[in-house]
Amino acid sequence: MNDQDSGSTLVPMLVAGLVLVTVGYAVIMMFV
C-alpha cells in the first residue's frame, strides 16, 4: 500500500461500494 497509489485505489473502492449498494438494493427489492 504505497501513498502514491492512493488516487488509483480510491476509484476501485468507490466502484466496489456502488456495486455493493446496487446488489443490496436488488436483494431488498427481491424480498420486499
PDB file of N, CA and C in Angstrom:
ATOM      1  N   MET A   1       0.854  -1.198   0.000  1.00  0.00           N
ATOM      2  CA  MET A   1       0.000   0.000   0.000  1.00  0.00           C
ATOM      3  C   MET A   1       0.888   1.246   0.000  1.00  0.00           C
ATOM      4  N   ASN A   2       1.210   1.749  -1.158  1.00  0.00           N
ATOM      5  CA  ASN A   2       2.011   2.960  -1.254  1.00  0.00           C
ATOM      6  C   ASN A   2       1.116   4.183  -1.281  1.00  0.00           C
ATOM      7  N   ASP A   3       1.612   5.287  -0.732  1.00  0.00           N
ATOM      8  CA  ASP A   3       0.825   6.519  -0.740  1.00  0.00           C
ATOM      9  C   ASP A   3       0.642   7.039  -2.174  1.00  0.00           C
ATOM     10  N   GLN A   4       1.520   6.621  -3.073  1.00  0.00           N
ATOM     11  CA  GLN A   4       1.417   7.054  -4.466  1.00  0.00           C
ATOM     12  C   GLN A   4       0.142   6.510  -5.106  1.00  0.00           C
ATOM     13  N   ASP A   5      -0.284   5.329  -4.677  1.00  0.00           N
ATOM     14  CA  ASP A   5      -1.421   4.660  -5.308  1.00  0.00           C
ATOM     15  C   ASP A   5      -2.750   5.031  -4.664  1.00  0.00           C
ATOM     16  N   SER A   6      -2.740   6.038  -3.774  1.00  0.00           N
ATOM     17  CA  SER A   6      -3.980   6.411  -3.084  1.00  0.00           C
ATOM     18  C   SER A   6      -5.030   6.862  -4.093  1.00  0.00           C
ATOM     19  N   GLY A   7      -4.606   7.531  -5.159  1.00  0.00           N
ATOM     20  CA  GLY A   7      -5.550   8.008  -6.165  1.00  0.00           C
ATOM     21  C   GLY A   7      -6.113   6.861  -6.984  1.00  0.00           C
ATOM     22  N   SER A   8      -5.276   5.858  -7.290  1.00  0.00           N
ATOM     23  CA  SER A   8      -5.727   4.739  -8.112  1.00  0.00           C
ATOM     24  C   SER A   8      -6.443   3.690  -7.265  1.00  0.00           C
ATOM     25  N   THR A   9      -6.370   3.843  -5.938  1.00  0.00           N
ATOM     26  CA  THR A   9      -7.053   2.908  -5.046  1.00  0.00           C
ATOM     27  C   THR A   9      -8.437   3.431  -4.698  1.00  0.00           C
ATOM     28  N   LEU A  10      -8.613   4.755  -4.763  1.00  0.00           N
ATOM     29  CA  LEU A  10      -9.882   5.371  -4.375  1.00  0.00           C
ATOM     30  C   LEU A  10     -10.986   4.996  -5.363  1.00  0.00           C
ATOM     31  N   VAL A  11     -10.657   4.975  -6.645  1.00  0.00           N
ATOM     32  CA  VAL A  11     -11.674   4.691  -7.671  1.00  0.00           C
ATOM     33  C   VAL A  11     -12.234   3.273  -7.536  1.00  0.00           C
ATOM     34  N   PRO A  12     -11.398   2.238  -7.447  1.00  0.00           N
ATOM     35  CA  PRO A  12     -11.935   0.878  -7.270  1.00  0.00           C
ATOM     36  C   PRO A  12     -12.777   0.751  -6.007  1.00  0.00           C
ATOM     37  N   MET A  13     -12.407   1.467  -4.947  1.00  0.00           N
ATOM     38  CA  MET A  13     -13.196   1.429  -3.708  1.00  0.00           C
ATOM     39  C   MET A  13     -14.577   2.024  -3.949  1.00  0.00           C
ATOM     40  N   LEU A  14     -14.634   3.147  -4.663  1.00  0.00           N
ATOM     41  CA  LEU A  14     -15.925   3.779  -4.964  1.00  0.00           C
ATOM     42  C   LEU A  14     -16.771   2.862  -5.839  1.00  0.00           C
ATOM     43  N   VAL A  15     -16.139   2.231  -6.829  1.00  0.00           N
ATOM     44  CA  VAL A  15     -16.863   1.313  -7.717  1.00  0.00           C
ATOM     45  C   VAL A  15     -17.386   0.120  -6.924  1.00  0.00           C
ATOM     46  N   ALA A  16     -16.548  -0.424  -6.033  1.00  0.00           N
ATOM     47  CA  ALA A  16     -16.969  -1.564  -5.219  1.00  0.00           C
ATOM     48  C   ALA A  16     -18.139  -1.173  -4.328  1.00  0.00           C
ATOM     49  N   GLY A  17     -18.079   0.017  -3.747  1.00  0.00           N
ATOM     50  CA  GLY A  17     -19.175   0.493  -2.901  1.00  0.00           C
ATOM     51  C   GLY A  17     -20.454   0.644  -3.701  1.00  0.00           C
ATOM     52  N   LEU A  18     -20.340   1.168  -4.911  1.00  0.00           N
ATOM     53  CA  LEU A  18     -21.514   1.345  -5.769  1.00  0.00           C
ATOM     54  C   LEU A  18     -22.129  -0.006  -6.117  1.00  0.00           C
ATOM     55  N   VAL A  19     -21.274  -0.987  -6.419  1.00  0.00           N
ATOM     56  CA  VAL A  19     -21.756  -2.332  -6.745  1.00  0.00           C
ATOM     57  C   VAL A  19     -22.449  -2.947  -5.535  1.00  0.00           C
ATOM     58  N   LEU A  20     -21.864  -2.780  -4.343  1.00  0.00           N
ATOM     59  CA  LEU A  20     -22.471  -3.327  -3.129  1.00  0.00           C
ATOM     60  C   LEU A  20     -23.840  -2.719  -2.898  1.00  0.00           C
ATOM     61  N   VAL A  21     -23.958  -1.410  -3.077  1.00  0.00           N
ATOM     62  CA  VAL A  21     -25.247  -0.735  -2.884  1.00  0.00           C
ATOM     63  C   VAL A  21     -26.264  -1.243  -3.900  1.00  0.00           C
ATOM     64  N   THR A  22     -25.834  -1.405  -5.153  1.00  0.00           N
ATOM     65  CA  THR A  22     -26.744  -1.870  -6.204  1.00  0.00           C
ATOM     66  C   THR A  22     -27.218  -3.289  -5.925  1.00  0.00           C
ATOM     67  N   VAL A  23     -26.283  -4.172  -5.558  1.00  0.00           N
ATOM     68  CA  VAL A  23     -26.636  -5.565  -5.257  1.00  0.00           C
ATOM     69  C   VAL A  23     -27.547  -5.622  -4.040  1.00  0.00           C
ATOM     70  N   GLY A  24     -27.211  -4.863  -3.007  1.00  0.00           N
ATOM     71  CA  GLY A  24     -28.039  -4.828  -1.800  1.00  0.00           C
ATOM     72  C   GLY A  24     -29.440  -4.338  -2.108  1.00  0.00           C
ATOM     73  N   TYR A  25     -29.550  -3.312  -2.943  1.00  0.00           N
ATOM     74  CA  TYR A  25     -30.863  -2.775  -3.325  1.00  0.00           C
ATOM     75  C   TYR A  25     -31.660  -3.823  -4.096  1.00  0.00           C
ATOM     76  N   ALA A  26     -30.997  -4.554  -4.986  1.00  0.00           N
ATOM     77  CA  ALA A  26     -31.666  -5.593  -5.772  1.00  0.00           C
ATOM     78  C   ALA A  26     -32.167  -6.710  -4.859  1.00  0.00           C
ATOM     79  N   VAL A  27     -31.354  -7.095  -3.872  1.00  0.00           N
ATOM     80  CA  VAL A  27     -31.750  -8.148  -2.930  1.00  0.00           C
ATOM     81  C   VAL A  27     -32.958  -7.698  -2.118  1.00  0.00           C
ATOM     82  N   ILE A  28     -32.934  -6.446  -1.661  1.00  0.00           N
ATOM     83  CA  ILE A  28     -34.062  -5.907  -0.888  1.00  0.00           C
ATOM     84  C   ILE A  28     -35.328  -5.906  -1.747  1.00  0.00           C
ATOM     85  N   MET A  29     -35.200  -5.521  -3.009  1.00  0.00           N
ATOM     86  CA  MET A  29     -36.361  -5.490  -3.904  1.00  0.00           C
ATOM     87  C   MET A  29     -36.901  -6.898  -4.132  1.00  0.00           C
ATOM     88  N   MET A  30     -36.012  -7.899  -4.143  1.00  0.00           N
ATOM     89  CA  MET A  30     -36.447  -9.284  -4.333  1.00  0.00           C
ATOM     90  C   MET A  30     -37.268  -9.764  -3.140  1.00  0.00           C
ATOM     91  N   PHE A  31     -36.840  -9.394  -1.941  1.00  0.00           N
ATOM     92  CA  PHE A  31     -37.502  -9.891  -0.733  1.00  0.00           C
ATOM     93  C   PHE A  31     -38.711  -9.051  -0.351  1.00  0.00           C
ATOM     94  N   VAL A  32     -38.791  -7.825  -0.863  1.00  0.00           N
ATOM     95  CA  VAL A  32     -39.913  -6.950  -0.486  1.00  0.00           C
ATOM     96  C   VAL A  32     -41.025  -6.988  -1.528  1.00  0.00           C
TER      97      VAL A  32
END
